[in-house]
Amino acid sequence: MRIHVVSDVHGRAEALRNAGDGADALVCLGDLILFIDYSDHGRGIFADLFGQENADHFIALRTAKRFDEARDFSRQMWSSLDGDAWPHIEKAVRKQYAELFDAMPAPAYLTYGNVDIPRMWQDYLRPGHRVLDGEVAEIGGVRFGFVGGGLRTVYRTPNEIDDEEFAAKVAAVGEVDVLCCHIPPAVPDLLYDTVARRFERGSEAVLEAIRATSPRYVLFGHVHQPLARRMRIGKTECINVGHFRASGKPYVLTI
């Protein structure tokens, strides 16, 4: 059985269209939307609404970890729009989701990333798309568990949840052959982004599940340029499937 896995798509619809070619199924680990592009500041919802110069400034503040200033600047930008900011955000997000789900191959098994807006997904799913979060699916006789979303951070992305809620989803999945999450287990080498030069948040609950249940694989994304792309913990192979927006290529899992 051949499974193609993508994560951190961030608007890469044209490559997503071919991501399932030659596979029995596609697994998507979330972060479909592109709000801000740290590689190309002129791309993404923020730049579309406020221009690249303002995106440059906002990204510079966040990169320097001046988060309070970044939030103040962001509030100024949103308040400059006519009326409530949310209709402008929703329109831009829905435009991206329409393009991305139209390109999403089938069959596909999906879970949410930390920048996704889960309540919108149902409006764009097509036949053959199945969304799972704290749930298990059997694919070709192999048990796959799915845990979506991210943990709370100073970045305040849309789909961050409390540690307890995330841990409850991990517990609900239980013992599986392949555990699919958006974020990595809480292991420093898997969490450090060598380009952003910072640690992202990982899950202690996922790490505990690895030690307790020994899945064959744990697949995740979230860290775009990790110090370590894979690591073995006991009998479990932990694999960062890669930054799909940058590579345009899925990770291939053969079982």
C-alpha atoms as a PDB file:
ATOM      1  CA  MET A   1       0.000   0.000   0.000  1.00  0.00           C
ATOM      2  CA  ARG A   2       1.314   3.426  -0.975  1.00  0.00           C
ATOM      3  CA  ILE A   3       0.163   6.505   0.972  1.00  0.00           C
ATOM      4  CA  HIS A   4       1.171  10.055   0.027  1.00  0.00           C
ATOM      5  CA  VAL A   5       1.326  12.501   2.943  1.00  0.00           C
ATOM      6  CA  VAL A   6       1.382  16.306   2.821  1.00  0.00           C
ATOM      7  CA  SER A   7       1.452  19.011   5.474  1.00  0.00           C
ATOM      8  CA  ASP A   8       1.777  22.784   5.535  1.00  0.00           C
ATOM      9  CA  VAL A   9       0.288  23.236   2.090  1.00  0.00           C
ATOM     10  CA  HIS A  10      -0.144  26.989   2.653  1.00  0.00           C
ATOM     11  CA  GLY A  11      -1.913  27.787  -0.589  1.00  0.00           C
ATOM     12  CA  ARG A  12       0.079  25.492  -2.935  1.00  0.00           C
ATOM     13  CA  ALA A  13      -3.035  24.392  -4.830  1.00  0.00           C
ATOM     14  CA  GLU A  14      -1.386  23.676  -8.180  1.00  0.00           C
ATOM     15  CA  ALA A  15       1.007  21.126  -6.650  1.00  0.00           C
ATOM     16  CA  LEU A  16      -1.686  19.662  -4.415  1.00  0.00           C
ATOM     17  CA  ARG A  17      -3.681  18.657  -7.487  1.00  0.00           C
ATOM     18  CA  ASN A  18      -1.035  16.050  -8.366  1.00  0.00           C
ATOM     19  CA  ALA A  19      -0.051  15.049  -4.827  1.00  0.00           C
ATOM     20  CA  GLY A  20      -2.050  11.822  -4.925  1.00  0.00           C
ATOM     21  CA  ASP A  21      -0.754  10.568  -8.271  1.00  0.00           C
ATOM     22  CA  GLY A  22       0.237   6.906  -7.986  1.00  0.00           C
ATOM     23  CA  ALA A  23      -0.992   6.569  -4.391  1.00  0.00           C
ATOM     24  CA  ASP A  24      -3.772   4.482  -2.883  1.00  0.00           C
ATOM     25  CA  ALA A  25      -4.767   7.485  -0.758  1.00  0.00           C
ATOM     26  CA  LEU A  26      -3.621  10.948   0.291  1.00  0.00           C
ATOM     27  CA  VAL A  27      -3.207  12.031   3.906  1.00  0.00           C
ATOM     28  CA  CYS A  28      -3.194  15.789   4.599  1.00  0.00           C
ATOM     29  CA  LEU A  29      -1.973  17.035   7.974  1.00  0.00           C
ATOM     30  CA  GLY A  30      -3.315  20.554   7.670  1.00  0.00           C
ATOM     31  CA  ASP A  31      -2.265  24.179   7.412  1.00  0.00           C
ATOM     32  CA  LEU A  32      -3.938  24.705   4.057  1.00  0.00           C
ATOM     33  CA  ILE A  33      -4.237  28.481   4.330  1.00  0.00           C
ATOM     34  CA  LEU A  34      -1.498  31.033   3.632  1.00  0.00           C
ATOM     35  CA  PHE A  35      -1.907  34.046   5.916  1.00  0.00           C
ATOM     36  CA  ILE A  36       1.715  35.203   5.845  1.00  0.00           C
ATOM     37  CA  ASP A  37       4.606  33.961   3.728  1.00  0.00           C
ATOM     38  CA  TYR A  38       7.940  34.349   5.508  1.00  0.00           C
ATOM     39  CA  SER A  39       9.804  33.436   2.303  1.00  0.00           C
ATOM     40  CA  ASP A  40       7.871  35.712  -0.068  1.00  0.00           C
ATOM     41  CA  HIS A  41       6.404  38.614   1.884  1.00  0.00           C
ATOM     42  CA  GLY A  42       4.240  39.640  -1.063  1.00  0.00           C
ATOM     43  CA  ARG A  43       2.141  36.474  -0.799  1.00  0.00           C
ATOM     44  CA  GLY A  44      -0.648  35.592   1.598  1.00  0.00           C
ATOM     45  CA  ILE A  45      -3.798  37.148   2.986  1.00  0.00           C
ATOM     46  CA  PHE A  46      -2.010  39.844   5.022  1.00  0.00           C
ATOM     47  CA  ALA A  47      -0.050  41.099   1.999  1.00  0.00           C
ATOM     48  CA  ASP A  48      -3.118  40.887  -0.262  1.00  0.00           C
ATOM     49  CA  LEU A  49      -5.046  43.167   2.090  1.00  0.00           C
ATOM     50  CA  PHE A  50      -2.322  45.559   3.268  1.00  0.00           C
ATOM     51  CA  GLY A  51       0.521  45.373   0.726  1.00  0.00           C
ATOM     52  CA  GLN A  52       4.019  43.971   0.872  1.00  0.00           C
ATOM     53  CA  GLU A  53       5.564  46.926   2.709  1.00  0.00           C
ATOM     54  CA  ASN A  54       3.259  46.404   5.680  1.00  0.00           C
ATOM     55  CA  ALA A  55       3.809  42.647   5.479  1.00  0.00           C
ATOM     56  CA  ASP A  56       7.582  43.272   5.554  1.00  0.00           C
ATOM     57  CA  HIS A  57       7.213  45.310   8.739  1.00  0.00           C
ATOM     58  CA  PHE A  58       4.881  42.834  10.436  1.00  0.00           C
ATOM     59  CA  ILE A  59       7.150  39.877   9.644  1.00  0.00           C
ATOM     60  CA  ALA A  60      10.226  41.804  10.839  1.00  0.00           C
ATOM     61  CA  LEU A  61       8.540  42.428  14.213  1.00  0.00           C
ATOM     62  CA  ARG A  62       7.546  38.792  14.631  1.00  0.00           C
ATOM     63  CA  THR A  63      10.955  37.521  13.527  1.00  0.00           C
ATOM     64  CA  ALA A  64      12.555  39.783  16.146  1.00  0.00           C
ATOM     65  CA  LYS A  65      10.125  38.286  18.707  1.00  0.00           C
ATOM     66  CA  ARG A  66       8.620  41.728  19.350  1.00  0.00           C
ATOM     67  CA  PHE A  67       5.193  40.127  19.633  1.00  0.00           C
ATOM     68  CA  ASP A  68       3.378  42.918  21.491  1.00  0.00           C
ATOM     69  CA  GLU A  69       4.470  45.437  18.839  1.00  0.00           C
ATOM     70  CA  ALA A  70       3.484  43.016  16.095  1.00  0.00           C
ATOM     71  CA  ARG A  71       0.007  42.599  17.599  1.00  0.00           C
ATOM     72  CA  ASP A  72      -0.399  46.377  17.952  1.00  0.00           C
ATOM     73  CA  PHE A  73       0.643  46.865  14.328  1.00  0.00           C
ATOM     74  CA  SER A  74      -1.698  44.105  13.187  1.00  0.00           C
ATOM     75  CA  ARG A  75      -4.603  45.734  15.067  1.00  0.00           C
ATOM     76  CA  GLN A  76      -3.824  49.035  13.355  1.00  0.00           C
ATOM     77  CA  MET A  77      -3.922  47.359   9.959  1.00  0.00           C
ATOM     78  CA  TRP A  78      -7.209  45.573  10.593  1.00  0.00           C
ATOM     79  CA  SER A  79      -8.827  48.725  12.010  1.00  0.00           C
ATOM     80  CA  SER A  80      -7.891  50.579   8.825  1.00  0.00           C
ATOM     81  CA  LEU A  81     -10.358  48.458   6.838  1.00  0.00           C
ATOM     82  CA  ASP A  82     -13.911  49.636   6.262  1.00  0.00           C
ATOM     83  CA  GLY A  83     -16.156  48.268   8.994  1.00  0.00           C
ATOM     84  CA  ASP A  84     -15.532  44.950  10.722  1.00  0.00           C
ATOM     85  CA  ALA A  85     -12.313  43.182   9.704  1.00  0.00           C
ATOM     86  CA  TRP A  86     -13.822  39.675   9.786  1.00  0.00           C
ATOM     87  CA  PRO A  87     -15.714  39.854   6.442  1.00  0.00           C
ATOM     88  CA  HIS A  88     -12.444  40.736   4.704  1.00  0.00           C
ATOM     89  CA  ILE A  89     -10.630  37.825   6.381  1.00  0.00           C
ATOM     90  CA  GLU A  90     -13.448  35.381   5.698  1.00  0.00           C
ATOM     91  CA  LYS A  91     -13.646  36.319   2.028  1.00  0.00           C
ATOM     92  CA  ALA A  92      -9.899  35.777   1.567  1.00  0.00           C
ATOM     93  CA  VAL A  93      -9.882  32.491   3.501  1.00  0.00           C
ATOM     94  CA  ARG A  94     -12.873  31.128   1.618  1.00  0.00           C
ATOM     95  CA  LYS A  95     -11.255  31.984  -1.711  1.00  0.00           C
ATOM     96  CA  GLN A  96      -8.189  29.920  -0.756  1.00  0.00           C
ATOM     97  CA  TYR A  97     -10.240  27.023   0.607  1.00  0.00           C
ATOM     98  CA  ALA A  98     -12.313  26.857  -2.570  1.00  0.00           C
ATOM     99  CA  GLU A  99      -9.137  26.559  -4.679  1.00  0.00           C
ATOM    100  CA  LEU A 100      -7.451  24.088  -2.330  1.00  0.00           C
ATOM    101  CA  PHE A 101     -10.338  21.669  -1.873  1.00  0.00           C
ATOM    102  CA  ASP A 102     -11.025  21.759  -5.594  1.00  0.00           C
ATOM    103  CA  ALA A 103      -7.414  20.615  -6.076  1.00  0.00           C
ATOM    104  CA  MET A 104      -7.458  18.085  -3.208  1.00  0.00           C
ATOM    105  CA  PRO A 105      -7.212  14.517  -4.606  1.00  0.00           C
ATOM    106  CA  ALA A 106      -9.505  11.712  -3.475  1.00  0.00           C
ATOM    107  CA  PRO A 107      -9.525   9.552  -1.523  1.00  0.00           C
ATOM    108  CA  ALA A 108      -8.034  11.875   1.064  1.00  0.00           C
ATOM    109  CA  TYR A 109      -7.909  11.693   4.846  1.00  0.00           C
ATOM    110  CA  LEU A 110      -7.469  15.103   6.425  1.00  0.00           C
ATOM    111  CA  THR A 111      -6.893  16.729   9.784  1.00  0.00           C
ATOM    112  CA  TYR A 112      -6.534  20.377  10.746  1.00  0.00           C
ATOM    113  CA  GLY A 113      -3.427  22.501  11.200  1.00  0.00           C
ATOM    114  CA  ASN A 114      -2.981  25.376  13.614  1.00  0.00           C
ATOM    115  CA  VAL A 115      -3.687  28.044  10.974  1.00  0.00           C
ATOM    116  CA  ASP A 116      -6.837  26.359   9.650  1.00  0.00           C
ATOM    117  CA  ILE A 117     -10.415  27.369  10.441  1.00  0.00           C
ATOM    118  CA  PRO A 118     -12.165  24.006  10.964  1.00  0.00           C
ATOM    119  CA  ARG A 119     -15.755  25.225  10.824  1.00  0.00           C
ATOM    120  CA  MET A 120     -15.278  26.328   7.202  1.00  0.00           C
ATOM    121  CA  TRP A 121     -14.024  22.995   5.877  1.00  0.00           C
ATOM    122  CA  GLN A 122     -17.449  21.374   5.582  1.00  0.00           C
ATOM    123  CA  ASP A 123     -18.424  23.924   2.950  1.00  0.00           C
ATOM    124  CA  TYR A 124     -15.705  22.735   0.556  1.00  0.00           C
ATOM    125  CA  LEU A 125     -15.278  18.986   1.071  1.00  0.00           C
ATOM    126  CA  ARG A 126     -15.888  16.797  -1.977  1.00  0.00           C
ATOM    127  CA  PRO A 127     -16.787  13.105  -2.244  1.00  0.00           C
ATOM    128  CA  GLY A 128     -13.850  11.010  -1.096  1.00  0.00           C
ATOM    129  CA  HIS A 129     -12.643  13.592   1.447  1.00  0.00           C
ATOM    130  CA  ARG A 130     -12.799  12.482   5.081  1.00  0.00           C
ATOM    131  CA  VAL A 131     -11.871  14.766   7.979  1.00  0.00           C
ATOM    132  CA  LEU A 132     -10.722  13.150  11.229  1.00  0.00           C
ATOM    133  CA  ASP A 133      -9.638  14.719  14.519  1.00  0.00           C
ATOM    134  CA  GLY A 134      -9.219  12.529  17.577  1.00  0.00           C
ATOM    135  CA  GLU A 135     -10.455   9.661  15.409  1.00  0.00           C
ATOM    136  CA  VAL A 136      -9.232   6.504  13.686  1.00  0.00           C
ATOM    137  CA  ALA A 137      -9.605   5.315  10.092  1.00  0.00           C
ATOM    138  CA  GLU A 138      -8.645   1.954   8.652  1.00  0.00           C
ATOM    139  CA  ILE A 139      -6.816   2.354   5.347  1.00  0.00           C
ATOM    140  CA  GLY A 140      -5.942  -0.872   3.578  1.00  0.00           C
ATOM    141  CA  GLY A 141      -6.202  -2.804   6.832  1.00  0.00           C
ATOM    142  CA  VAL A 142      -3.851  -0.402   8.673  1.00  0.00           C
ATOM    143  CA  ARG A 143      -5.120   1.701  11.595  1.00  0.00           C
ATOM    144  CA  PHE A 144      -4.399   5.415  11.170  1.00  0.00           C
ATOM    145  CA  GLY A 145      -5.096   7.839  14.023  1.00  0.00           C
ATOM    146  CA  PHE A 146      -5.530  11.581  13.447  1.00  0.00           C
ATOM    147  CA  VAL A 147      -4.980  14.500  15.827  1.00  0.00           C
ATOM    148  CA  GLY A 148      -5.304  18.005  14.409  1.00  0.00           C
ATOM    149  CA  GLY A 149      -4.609  21.544  15.528  1.00  0.00           C
ATOM    150  CA  GLY A 150      -1.770  23.137  17.452  1.00  0.00           C
ATOM    151  CA  LEU A 151      -1.025  24.130  21.030  1.00  0.00           C
ATOM    152  CA  ARG A 152      -1.270  27.689  22.350  1.00  0.00           C
ATOM    153  CA  THR A 153       1.622  30.018  21.499  1.00  0.00           C
ATOM    154  CA  VAL A 154       2.500  33.704  21.408  1.00  0.00           C
ATOM    155  CA  TYR A 155       1.576  33.669  17.698  1.00  0.00           C
ATOM    156  CA  ARG A 156      -2.125  33.118  18.469  1.00  0.00           C
ATOM    157  CA  THR A 157      -2.909  31.316  15.228  1.00  0.00           C
ATOM    158  CA  PRO A 158      -6.586  30.448  14.633  1.00  0.00           C
ATOM    159  CA  ASN A 159      -6.660  26.777  15.647  1.00  0.00           C
ATOM    160  CA  GLU A 160      -4.579  26.626  18.820  1.00  0.00           C
ATOM    161  CA  ILE A 161      -6.065  24.663  21.718  1.00  0.00           C
ATOM    162  CA  ASP A 162      -5.244  23.922  25.351  1.00  0.00           C
ATOM    163  CA  ASP A 163      -2.838  21.096  26.174  1.00  0.00           C
ATOM    164  CA  GLU A 164      -5.615  19.203  27.956  1.00  0.00           C
ATOM    165  CA  GLU A 165      -7.918  19.281  24.931  1.00  0.00           C
ATOM    166  CA  PHE A 166      -5.118  18.127  22.644  1.00  0.00           C
ATOM    167  CA  ALA A 167      -4.187  15.322  25.054  1.00  0.00           C
ATOM    168  CA  ALA A 168      -7.816  14.169  25.155  1.00  0.00           C
ATOM    169  CA  LYS A 169      -7.784  13.748  21.373  1.00  0.00           C
ATOM    170  CA  VAL A 170      -4.563  11.736  21.541  1.00  0.00           C
ATOM    171  CA  ALA A 171      -6.137   9.528  24.198  1.00  0.00           C
ATOM    172  CA  ALA A 172      -9.283   9.084  22.096  1.00  0.00           C
ATOM    173  CA  VAL A 173      -7.176   7.733  19.222  1.00  0.00           C
ATOM    174  CA  GLY A 174      -5.570   5.088  21.430  1.00  0.00           C
ATOM    175  CA  GLU A 175      -3.396   2.374  19.947  1.00  0.00           C
ATOM    176  CA  VAL A 176      -2.841   2.655  16.192  1.00  0.00           C
ATOM    177  CA  ASP A 177      -0.311   1.587  13.569  1.00  0.00           C
ATOM    178  CA  VAL A 178       0.239   5.130  12.232  1.00  0.00           C
ATOM    179  CA  LEU A 179      -0.391   8.283  14.261  1.00  0.00           C
ATOM    180  CA  CYS A 180      -0.911  11.385  12.101  1.00  0.00           C
ATOM    181  CA  CYS A 181      -0.669  14.801  13.784  1.00  0.00           C
ATOM    182  CA  HIS A 182      -0.097  18.337  12.616  1.00  0.00           C
ATOM    183  CA  ILE A 183       2.479  19.050  15.333  1.00  0.00           C
ATOM    184  CA  PRO A 184       5.447  16.872  16.349  1.00  0.00           C
ATOM    185  CA  PRO A 185       6.017  15.066  19.623  1.00  0.00           C
ATOM    186  CA  ALA A 186       7.822  17.214  22.191  1.00  0.00           C
ATOM    187  CA  VAL A 187      11.408  16.336  21.239  1.00  0.00           C
ATOM    188  CA  PRO A 188      13.763  19.348  20.839  1.00  0.00           C
ATOM    189  CA  ASP A 189      15.499  18.181  17.641  1.00  0.00           C
ATOM    190  CA  LEU A 190      12.106  17.739  15.957  1.00  0.00           C
ATOM    191  CA  LEU A 191      10.877  21.162  17.120  1.00  0.00           C
ATOM    192  CA  TYR A 192      13.745  23.496  16.251  1.00  0.00           C
ATOM    193  CA  ASP A 193      13.352  25.438  12.989  1.00  0.00           C
ATOM    194  CA  THR A 194      16.837  26.117  11.653  1.00  0.00           C
ATOM    195  CA  VAL A 195      15.758  29.033   9.423  1.00  0.00           C
ATOM    196  CA  ALA A 196      13.331  30.771  11.794  1.00  0.00           C
ATOM    197  CA  ARG A 197      15.848  29.990  14.583  1.00  0.00           C
ATOM    198  CA  ARG A 198      13.223  29.115  17.148  1.00  0.00           C
ATOM    199  CA  PHE A 199      11.547  26.163  18.799  1.00  0.00           C
ATOM    200  CA  GLU A 200       7.965  25.426  17.827  1.00  0.00           C
ATOM    201  CA  ARG A 201       5.617  23.777  20.304  1.00  0.00           C
ATOM    202  CA  GLY A 202       5.319  20.015  20.315  1.00  0.00           C
ATOM    203  CA  SER A 203       3.030  17.658  22.165  1.00  0.00           C
ATOM    204  CA  GLU A 204       3.984  15.886  25.368  1.00  0.00           C
ATOM    205  CA  ALA A 205       0.813  13.799  24.954  1.00  0.00           C
ATOM    206  CA  VAL A 206       2.008  12.491  21.587  1.00  0.00           C
ATOM    207  CA  LEU A 207       5.406  11.656  23.090  1.00  0.00           C
ATOM    208  CA  GLU A 208       3.698   9.783  25.931  1.00  0.00           C
ATOM    209  CA  ALA A 209       1.525   7.898  23.423  1.00  0.00           C
ATOM    210  CA  ILE A 210       4.630   6.834  21.503  1.00  0.00           C
ATOM    211  CA  ARG A 211       6.189   5.441  24.653  1.00  0.00           C
ATOM    212  CA  ALA A 212       2.968   3.745  25.779  1.00  0.00           C
ATOM    213  CA  THR A 213       1.650   2.278  22.505  1.00  0.00           C
ATOM    214  CA  SER A 214       4.645   2.126  20.093  1.00  0.00           C
ATOM    215  CA  PRO A 215       2.939   2.948  16.786  1.00  0.00           C
ATOM    216  CA  ARG A 216       4.972   1.951  13.744  1.00  0.00           C
ATOM    217  CA  TYR A 217       5.036   5.544  12.510  1.00  0.00           C
ATOM    218  CA  VAL A 218       4.211   9.024  13.767  1.00  0.00           C
ATOM    219  CA  LEU A 219       3.793  11.491  10.900  1.00  0.00           C
ATOM    220  CA  PHE A 220       3.635  15.270  11.347  1.00  0.00           C
ATOM    221  CA  GLY A 221       4.563  18.635   9.850  1.00  0.00           C
ATOM    222  CA  HIS A 222       4.366  22.152  11.350  1.00  0.00           C
ATOM    223  CA  VAL A 223       8.140  22.752  11.628  1.00  0.00           C
ATOM    224  CA  HIS A 224       9.105  23.887   8.153  1.00  0.00           C
ATOM    225  CA  GLN A 225      12.911  23.540   8.367  1.00  0.00           C
ATOM    226  CA  PRO A 226      13.515  21.116  11.247  1.00  0.00           C
ATOM    227  CA  LEU A 227      16.887  20.335  12.761  1.00  0.00           C
ATOM    228  CA  ALA A 228      15.959  16.647  12.484  1.00  0.00           C
ATOM    229  CA  ARG A 229      13.459  15.383   9.918  1.00  0.00           C
ATOM    230  CA  ARG A 230      13.120  11.949  11.469  1.00  0.00           C
ATOM    231  CA  MET A 231      13.970  10.141  14.668  1.00  0.00           C
ATOM    232  CA  ARG A 232      13.361   6.727  16.153  1.00  0.00           C
ATOM    233  CA  ILE A 233      11.831   6.570  19.616  1.00  0.00           C
ATOM    234  CA  GLY A 234      11.840   2.968  20.730  1.00  0.00           C
ATOM    235  CA  LYS A 235      10.126   1.037  17.930  1.00  0.00           C
ATOM    236  CA  THR A 236       8.454   4.148  16.476  1.00  0.00           C
ATOM    237  CA  GLU A 237       9.742   6.041  13.452  1.00  0.00           C
ATOM    238  CA  CYS A 238       8.876   9.753  13.839  1.00  0.00           C
ATOM    239  CA  ILE A 239       8.849  11.559  10.488  1.00  0.00           C
ATOM    240  CA  ASN A 240       8.377  15.201   9.518  1.00  0.00           C
ATOM    241  CA  VAL A 241       6.686  14.812   6.110  1.00  0.00           C
ATOM    242  CA  GLY A 242       8.049  18.129   4.866  1.00  0.00           C
ATOM    243  CA  HIS A 243       6.959  21.658   4.014  1.00  0.00           C
ATOM    244  CA  PHE A 244       4.695  21.043   1.029  1.00  0.00           C
ATOM    245  CA  ARG A 245       4.480  24.710   0.052  1.00  0.00           C
ATOM    246  CA  ALA A 246       8.251  24.741  -0.457  1.00  0.00           C
ATOM    247  CA  SER A 247       8.743  21.320  -2.039  1.00  0.00           C
ATOM    248  CA  GLY A 248       5.484  20.651  -3.859  1.00  0.00           C
ATOM    249  CA  LYS A 249       6.136  16.947  -3.255  1.00  0.00           C
ATOM    250  CA  PRO A 250       4.363  14.545  -0.895  1.00  0.00           C
ATOM    251  CA  TYR A 251       6.100  12.218   1.514  1.00  0.00           C
ATOM    252  CA  VAL A 252       5.672   8.607   0.344  1.00  0.00           C
ATOM    253  CA  LEU A 253       4.787   6.009   2.970  1.00  0.00           C
ATOM    254  CA  THR A 254       4.821   2.411   1.801  1.00  0.00           C
ATOM    255  CA  ILE A 255       3.328  -0.194   4.107  1.00  0.00           C
END
